[in-house]
Amino acid sequence: MNTNFDFDNEMIFGRKHLNNLVFDKKKYDFVSVVSKLFECELNDIHNWTDIKYDLFSSDMLGKDTHTVFHEKFFNKLDSEQGWPELIELYDKFVVEVVLPYLGLDEALVQITPNFRVHLPDNIAVVVEHYDSDERHKHPHGEINFIFALTDMEDTNSVWVEKTPRFRNFIPIVQKAGDCISFNGNKNTHFNKINKTGKSRASFDFRILPLNYYNKDTESCSVTTNRRYIEGGYYKRISTEHNKVYKARDIWDKQKEKFNSTMIKYGVSDAWGVVDIFEKRMAEYAGSKYAVSVDNCTDALFLCLKYLNATGEVTLPSRTWISVPCTV
């Protein structure tokens, strides 16, 4: 299984910086999926609400991604039923288009894509930056992708250096439904004030090849506060990703219900869901590890074993019978 990628050769000296991917747009029709959510043409999304936004400035980092448009997009993603129409298509696109394009069989991918809305007379990203700079701290080796949901050109696009630190900026020009790869990790990029009169909508995401992955990193996303680790900022996806779990017998049937969750988080079986849950709990509690067990009695037993408990143990007089039994 190929999991290694030569970032310098491909993204700095090679041709995968500012390169359009080739795929069937009808098969990966993200434009229709997002348009259906807002029930409008996305280049007219600024008229979807009466709320108007003043120009986002550099001291408003994060505010540009917390508008009513982002609220609607991410509320749909985070709802109880989720947004399988988008996430399953996103994962399918990564598996069938992006990984083969990079020559990889497996990699870490941003759990959910970033949603961008570049309003007329405004900007979509407030700070000129490259992703691995001191402010953003993305890991070296990440590869950026932008999927255009509307046409992108001139002042409503993203302006990117052709060569790192040369400041030879050009706009990313795309038609709705196009996807481009670029070296946002090392090449400075920014937005100009949109003077086209039309909104630009797009989503972007990052792939981290496994040979650049550091599971012990403490760095976090400046906007989501998620650590750049599997189960945090990333999920693991492989070319085997879309194979669903099939029950072996009637007692195993319940695991089939995990299929939508496994697809959402890019794991190959139900235990992968448990692994993500443990990592999220550890992150939330500020501990190095978390272990999920089948019941509280076993959790108590493991704690006593870990503490090497001896001698007298004081218990409440009213408790479940398994507690003194465990002691």
Protein backbone atom coordinates (compact mmCIF):
# COMPACT_ATOMS: atom_id res chain seq x y z
CA MET A 1 0.00 0.00 0.00
CA ASN A 2 1.49 3.34 -1.05
CA THR A 3 1.23 5.96 1.72
CA ASN A 4 4.33 8.08 0.96
CA PHE A 5 4.38 11.33 -0.98
CA ASP A 6 7.33 13.53 -2.02
CA PHE A 7 5.96 16.96 -1.10
CA ASP A 8 8.94 19.05 -2.26
CA ASN A 9 9.24 17.26 -5.57
CA GLU A 10 5.51 17.36 -6.37
CA MET A 11 4.30 20.61 -4.77
CA ILE A 12 7.31 22.94 -5.05
CA PHE A 13 9.28 21.70 -8.05
CA GLY A 14 6.60 19.53 -9.66
CA ARG A 15 3.31 20.17 -11.40
CA LYS A 16 0.75 19.61 -8.66
CA HIS A 17 0.85 23.24 -7.54
CA LEU A 18 -1.97 25.13 -9.28
CA ASN A 19 -3.00 22.08 -11.27
CA ASN A 20 -6.61 21.27 -12.21
CA LEU A 21 -7.88 17.75 -11.50
CA VAL A 22 -9.66 15.83 -14.25
CA PHE A 23 -12.91 14.06 -13.29
CA ASP A 24 -16.57 13.68 -14.22
CA LYS A 25 -18.34 16.80 -12.89
CA LYS A 26 -21.76 15.16 -13.16
CA LYS A 27 -20.64 12.32 -10.90
CA TYR A 28 -19.31 14.69 -8.23
CA ASP A 29 -21.97 17.39 -8.39
CA PHE A 30 -21.26 19.29 -5.18
CA VAL A 31 -22.68 22.44 -6.78
CA SER A 32 -26.21 20.99 -6.81
CA VAL A 33 -25.90 19.60 -3.28
CA VAL A 34 -24.95 22.97 -1.76
CA SER A 35 -27.30 24.98 -4.00
CA LYS A 36 -30.19 22.82 -2.78
CA LEU A 37 -29.36 23.73 0.82
CA PHE A 38 -29.57 27.49 0.13
CA GLU A 39 -32.26 27.20 -2.56
CA CYS A 40 -30.55 29.79 -4.73
CA GLU A 41 -27.82 30.30 -7.30
CA LEU A 42 -24.68 30.37 -5.21
CA ASN A 43 -23.16 33.38 -7.00
CA ASP A 44 -26.24 35.25 -5.74
CA ILE A 45 -25.98 33.88 -2.18
CA HIS A 46 -25.47 37.40 -0.76
CA ASN A 47 -29.18 38.02 -1.51
CA TRP A 48 -30.22 34.88 0.39
CA THR A 49 -30.28 36.94 3.63
CA ASP A 50 -30.98 40.54 4.60
CA ILE A 51 -27.94 40.53 6.89
CA LYS A 52 -25.08 42.66 5.57
CA TYR A 53 -21.47 42.35 6.66
CA ASP A 54 -18.95 45.16 6.91
CA LEU A 55 -15.53 44.50 5.45
CA PHE A 56 -13.78 41.75 7.41
CA SER A 57 -10.39 42.99 8.63
CA SER A 58 -7.18 41.30 9.75
CA ASP A 59 -8.10 41.66 13.44
CA MET A 60 -11.26 39.58 12.81
CA LEU A 61 -9.59 36.21 12.20
CA GLY A 62 -12.31 33.57 12.36
CA LYS A 63 -15.22 36.03 12.02
CA ASP A 64 -15.13 35.58 8.24
CA THR A 65 -16.05 31.91 8.71
CA HIS A 66 -18.84 32.55 11.25
CA THR A 67 -21.50 34.16 9.08
CA VAL A 68 -25.12 33.07 8.63
CA PHE A 69 -24.00 31.19 5.50
CA HIS A 70 -21.48 29.15 7.47
CA GLU A 71 -23.99 28.63 10.27
CA LYS A 72 -26.50 27.08 7.87
CA PHE A 73 -23.82 24.94 6.17
CA PHE A 74 -22.31 23.55 9.39
CA ASN A 75 -25.64 23.20 11.21
CA LYS A 76 -26.65 20.85 8.41
CA LEU A 77 -23.38 18.91 8.78
CA ASP A 78 -23.68 18.70 12.58
CA SER A 79 -27.40 17.90 12.71
CA GLU A 80 -28.57 14.60 14.20
CA GLN A 81 -29.18 13.11 10.76
CA GLY A 82 -25.98 14.64 9.37
CA TRP A 83 -25.54 15.51 5.72
CA PRO A 84 -24.71 12.17 4.07
CA GLU A 85 -25.44 13.58 0.62
CA LEU A 86 -22.43 15.87 1.00
CA ILE A 87 -20.08 13.83 3.22
CA GLU A 88 -20.46 10.56 1.34
CA LEU A 89 -19.81 12.41 -1.93
CA TYR A 90 -16.82 14.18 -0.35
CA ASP A 91 -15.31 10.88 0.81
CA LYS A 92 -16.06 9.26 -2.53
CA PHE A 93 -14.32 12.15 -4.32
CA VAL A 94 -11.24 11.76 -2.13
CA VAL A 95 -11.14 7.98 -2.64
CA GLU A 96 -11.83 7.92 -6.38
CA VAL A 97 -10.23 11.16 -7.58
CA VAL A 98 -7.83 12.74 -5.07
CA LEU A 99 -5.92 9.71 -3.75
CA PRO A 100 -5.25 8.30 -7.27
CA TYR A 101 -4.21 11.81 -8.40
CA LEU A 102 -1.63 11.88 -5.58
CA GLY A 103 -0.59 8.27 -6.19
CA LEU A 104 -1.68 7.29 -2.67
CA ASP A 105 -3.70 4.35 -1.39
CA GLU A 106 -4.22 5.87 2.06
CA ALA A 107 -3.87 9.31 3.67
CA LEU A 108 -5.30 11.63 6.30
CA VAL A 109 -7.95 14.04 5.07
CA GLN A 110 -9.63 17.00 6.73
CA ILE A 111 -12.75 15.58 8.43
CA THR A 112 -15.08 18.13 6.86
CA PRO A 113 -14.19 20.72 4.22
CA ASN A 114 -13.97 24.46 4.90
CA PHE A 115 -16.83 26.45 3.38
CA ARG A 116 -15.96 29.83 1.85
CA VAL A 117 -18.29 32.65 0.84
CA HIS A 118 -16.58 35.64 -0.80
CA LEU A 119 -19.24 38.35 -0.72
CA PRO A 120 -19.29 41.39 -3.04
CA ASP A 121 -17.21 44.28 -1.62
CA ASN A 122 -15.75 41.94 0.99
CA ILE A 123 -13.14 39.22 1.45
CA ALA A 124 -13.38 35.55 2.44
CA VAL A 125 -10.05 35.08 4.24
CA VAL A 126 -8.84 38.04 6.29
CA VAL A 127 -5.11 37.35 6.60
CA GLU A 128 -2.45 37.01 3.90
CA HIS A 129 -0.70 33.81 4.96
CA TYR A 130 0.69 30.39 4.14
CA ASP A 131 -0.71 27.48 6.14
CA SER A 132 2.49 26.36 7.91
CA ASP A 133 3.36 29.87 9.11
CA GLU A 134 3.71 30.71 12.82
CA ARG A 135 0.11 31.84 13.11
CA HIS A 136 -1.62 28.85 11.49
CA LYS A 137 0.88 26.04 12.27
CA HIS A 138 -0.40 23.47 9.80
CA PRO A 139 1.96 20.50 9.52
CA HIS A 140 4.53 20.37 6.73
CA GLY A 141 3.40 18.11 3.90
CA GLU A 142 -0.26 19.11 3.68
CA ILE A 143 -1.69 19.45 0.17
CA ASN A 144 -4.50 21.97 -0.45
CA PHE A 145 -7.50 21.54 -2.73
CA ILE A 146 -10.15 24.09 -3.69
CA PHE A 147 -13.47 22.96 -5.17
CA ALA A 148 -15.28 25.83 -6.91
CA LEU A 149 -19.04 25.98 -6.31
CA THR A 150 -19.28 29.10 -8.49
CA ASP A 151 -17.01 30.56 -11.13
CA MET A 152 -13.82 31.99 -9.61
CA GLU A 153 -11.89 34.76 -11.31
CA ASP A 154 -10.23 38.11 -10.81
CA THR A 155 -11.08 39.80 -7.47
CA ASN A 156 -13.49 37.11 -6.18
CA SER A 157 -10.83 34.39 -6.34
CA VAL A 158 -7.85 33.30 -4.26
CA TRP A 159 -4.51 34.87 -5.19
CA VAL A 160 -1.55 32.52 -4.75
CA GLU A 161 2.21 32.78 -5.18
CA LYS A 162 3.53 30.73 -8.07
CA THR A 163 6.79 30.28 -6.13
CA PRO A 164 7.17 30.49 -2.32
CA ARG A 165 8.34 33.96 -1.11
CA PHE A 166 8.66 35.34 -4.65
CA ARG A 167 5.34 37.23 -4.29
CA ASN A 168 4.52 36.46 -7.91
CA PHE A 169 0.78 36.20 -7.25
CA ILE A 170 -1.81 34.97 -9.73
CA PRO A 171 -5.56 34.36 -9.29
CA ILE A 172 -6.96 30.83 -9.27
CA VAL A 173 -9.35 30.78 -12.24
CA GLN A 174 -11.99 28.03 -12.16
CA LYS A 175 -15.45 27.25 -13.44
CA ALA A 176 -18.13 25.97 -11.06
CA GLY A 177 -17.47 22.28 -10.46
CA ASP A 178 -13.70 22.49 -11.01
CA CYS A 179 -11.15 21.39 -8.42
CA ILE A 180 -7.52 22.52 -8.20
CA SER A 181 -4.56 21.42 -6.08
CA PHE A 182 -2.08 23.98 -4.80
CA ASN A 183 0.72 24.43 -2.28
CA GLY A 184 -1.07 26.54 0.29
CA ASN A 185 1.22 25.03 2.91
CA LYS A 186 4.24 27.01 1.71
CA ASN A 187 2.91 29.53 -0.84
CA THR A 188 1.40 32.76 0.46
CA HIS A 189 -2.23 33.31 -0.57
CA PHE A 190 -4.92 35.91 0.11
CA ASN A 191 -8.15 37.49 -1.13
CA LYS A 192 -8.72 40.84 -2.74
CA ILE A 193 -11.89 42.84 -2.12
CA ASN A 194 -14.50 41.30 -4.40
CA LYS A 195 -15.43 43.89 -7.07
CA THR A 196 -17.18 41.47 -9.45
CA GLY A 197 -20.68 42.05 -8.03
CA LYS A 198 -21.10 38.28 -7.62
CA SER A 199 -20.43 36.04 -4.67
CA ARG A 200 -17.85 33.29 -4.85
CA ALA A 201 -18.73 30.06 -3.02
CA SER A 202 -16.23 27.23 -2.69
CA PHE A 203 -15.00 24.63 -0.28
CA ASP A 204 -11.43 23.63 0.40
CA PHE A 205 -9.76 20.77 2.20
CA ARG A 206 -6.32 19.39 2.97
CA ILE A 207 -4.71 15.99 2.56
CA LEU A 208 -1.80 14.92 4.78
CA PRO A 209 0.23 11.97 3.44
CA LEU A 210 1.09 9.51 6.21
CA ASN A 211 4.86 10.00 5.85
CA TYR A 212 4.40 13.58 7.14
CA TYR A 213 2.09 12.68 10.04
CA ASN A 214 3.19 13.36 13.62
CA LYS A 215 0.65 11.84 16.02
CA ASP A 216 2.30 13.62 18.98
CA THR A 217 1.86 17.16 17.66
CA GLU A 218 0.25 19.66 20.02
CA SER A 219 -0.53 22.19 17.26
CA CYS A 220 -4.21 23.04 16.74
CA SER A 221 -6.27 24.71 14.04
CA VAL A 222 -6.63 28.43 14.75
CA THR A 223 -10.32 28.40 13.72
CA THR A 224 -11.61 25.00 14.97
CA ASN A 225 -9.13 24.39 17.82
CA ARG A 226 -8.76 20.77 16.71
CA ARG A 227 -5.33 19.14 16.99
CA TYR A 228 -3.73 18.15 13.71
CA ILE A 229 -4.12 14.45 14.47
CA GLU A 230 -6.27 11.54 13.32
CA GLY A 231 -9.61 11.80 15.11
CA GLY A 232 -9.03 15.53 15.61
CA TYR A 233 -8.57 17.63 12.49
CA TYR A 234 -8.18 14.57 10.22
CA LYS A 235 -9.78 11.26 9.43
CA ARG A 236 -7.98 8.39 7.71
CA ILE A 237 -9.23 7.43 4.27
CA SER A 238 -8.02 4.66 2.00
CA THR A 239 -9.05 3.24 -1.32
CA GLU A 240 -10.88 0.57 0.74
CA HIS A 241 -12.87 3.31 2.48
CA ASN A 242 -16.30 2.88 0.88
CA LYS A 243 -16.60 -0.84 1.64
CA VAL A 244 -19.48 -1.16 4.09
CA TYR A 245 -19.55 -3.48 7.10
CA LYS A 246 -21.56 -6.68 6.61
CA ALA A 247 -22.89 -8.59 9.59
CA ARG A 248 -21.50 -12.09 10.09
CA ASP A 249 -24.58 -13.34 11.99
CA ILE A 250 -27.75 -12.07 13.65
CA TRP A 251 -25.81 -11.01 16.78
CA ASP A 252 -23.51 -8.90 14.63
CA LYS A 253 -26.37 -7.14 12.85
CA GLN A 254 -26.28 -3.98 14.96
CA LYS A 255 -22.81 -3.09 13.65
CA GLU A 256 -24.31 -2.44 10.22
CA LYS A 257 -25.95 0.64 11.75
CA PHE A 258 -22.47 2.11 12.13
CA ASN A 259 -21.95 2.27 8.36
CA SER A 260 -23.00 5.90 7.98
CA THR A 261 -20.78 6.89 10.92
CA MET A 262 -17.85 4.90 9.56
CA ILE A 263 -18.22 6.62 6.19
CA LYS A 264 -18.48 10.03 7.88
CA TYR A 265 -15.26 9.57 9.85
CA GLY A 266 -13.30 7.46 7.36
CA VAL A 267 -12.86 4.25 9.35
CA SER A 268 -13.13 0.68 8.11
CA ASP A 269 -15.05 -0.97 10.97
CA ALA A 270 -17.10 -0.18 14.07
CA TRP A 271 -14.02 -0.30 16.30
CA GLY A 272 -12.65 2.65 14.35
CA VAL A 273 -15.60 4.66 15.71
CA VAL A 274 -14.63 3.61 19.25
CA ASP A 275 -11.04 4.70 18.57
CA ILE A 276 -12.18 8.17 17.45
CA PHE A 277 -14.48 8.44 20.48
CA GLU A 278 -11.59 7.63 22.84
CA LYS A 279 -9.31 10.21 21.21
CA ARG A 280 -12.02 12.90 21.35
CA MET A 281 -12.69 12.15 25.04
CA ALA A 282 -8.97 12.31 25.85
CA GLU A 283 -8.69 15.64 24.04
CA TYR A 284 -11.76 17.00 25.85
CA ALA A 285 -10.49 15.86 29.27
CA GLY A 286 -6.93 17.03 28.64
CA SER A 287 -5.52 13.56 29.24
CA LYS A 288 -3.06 11.61 27.14
CA TYR A 289 -5.38 8.62 26.70
CA ALA A 290 -8.99 7.60 27.23
CA VAL A 291 -10.31 4.04 27.32
CA SER A 292 -13.94 3.14 26.66
CA VAL A 293 -15.25 -0.04 28.30
CA ASP A 294 -18.55 -1.88 28.19
CA ASN A 295 -19.82 -0.82 31.65
CA CYS A 296 -19.03 1.20 34.79
CA THR A 297 -18.14 -1.93 36.78
CA ASP A 298 -15.32 -2.78 34.41
CA ALA A 299 -14.19 0.86 34.42
CA LEU A 300 -13.98 0.73 38.24
CA PHE A 301 -12.11 -2.60 38.07
CA LEU A 302 -9.53 -1.17 35.64
CA CYS A 303 -9.05 1.94 37.82
CA LEU A 304 -8.42 -0.24 40.92
CA LYS A 305 -5.94 -2.35 38.98
CA TYR A 306 -4.19 0.76 37.64
CA LEU A 307 -3.95 2.24 41.16
CA ASN A 308 -2.76 -1.09 42.60
CA ALA A 309 -5.39 -0.59 45.28
CA THR A 310 -4.75 -2.45 48.56
CA GLY A 311 -6.03 -2.37 52.12
CA GLU A 312 -9.34 -0.83 53.09
CA VAL A 313 -11.58 0.69 50.42
CA THR A 314 -14.49 2.89 51.59
CA LEU A 315 -17.74 2.57 49.62
CA PRO A 316 -21.12 4.32 49.85
CA SER A 317 -23.63 2.32 51.90
CA ARG A 318 -26.12 2.48 49.04
CA THR A 319 -24.59 1.41 45.78
CA TRP A 320 -24.94 -1.20 43.08
CA ILE A 321 -23.97 -4.72 44.22
CA SER A 322 -21.27 -4.97 41.54
CA VAL A 323 -19.23 -2.23 43.23
CA PRO A 324 -18.25 -4.17 46.38
CA CYS A 325 -18.00 -7.30 44.28
CA THR A 326 -15.45 -5.56 42.04
CA VAL A 327 -13.43 -4.37 45.03
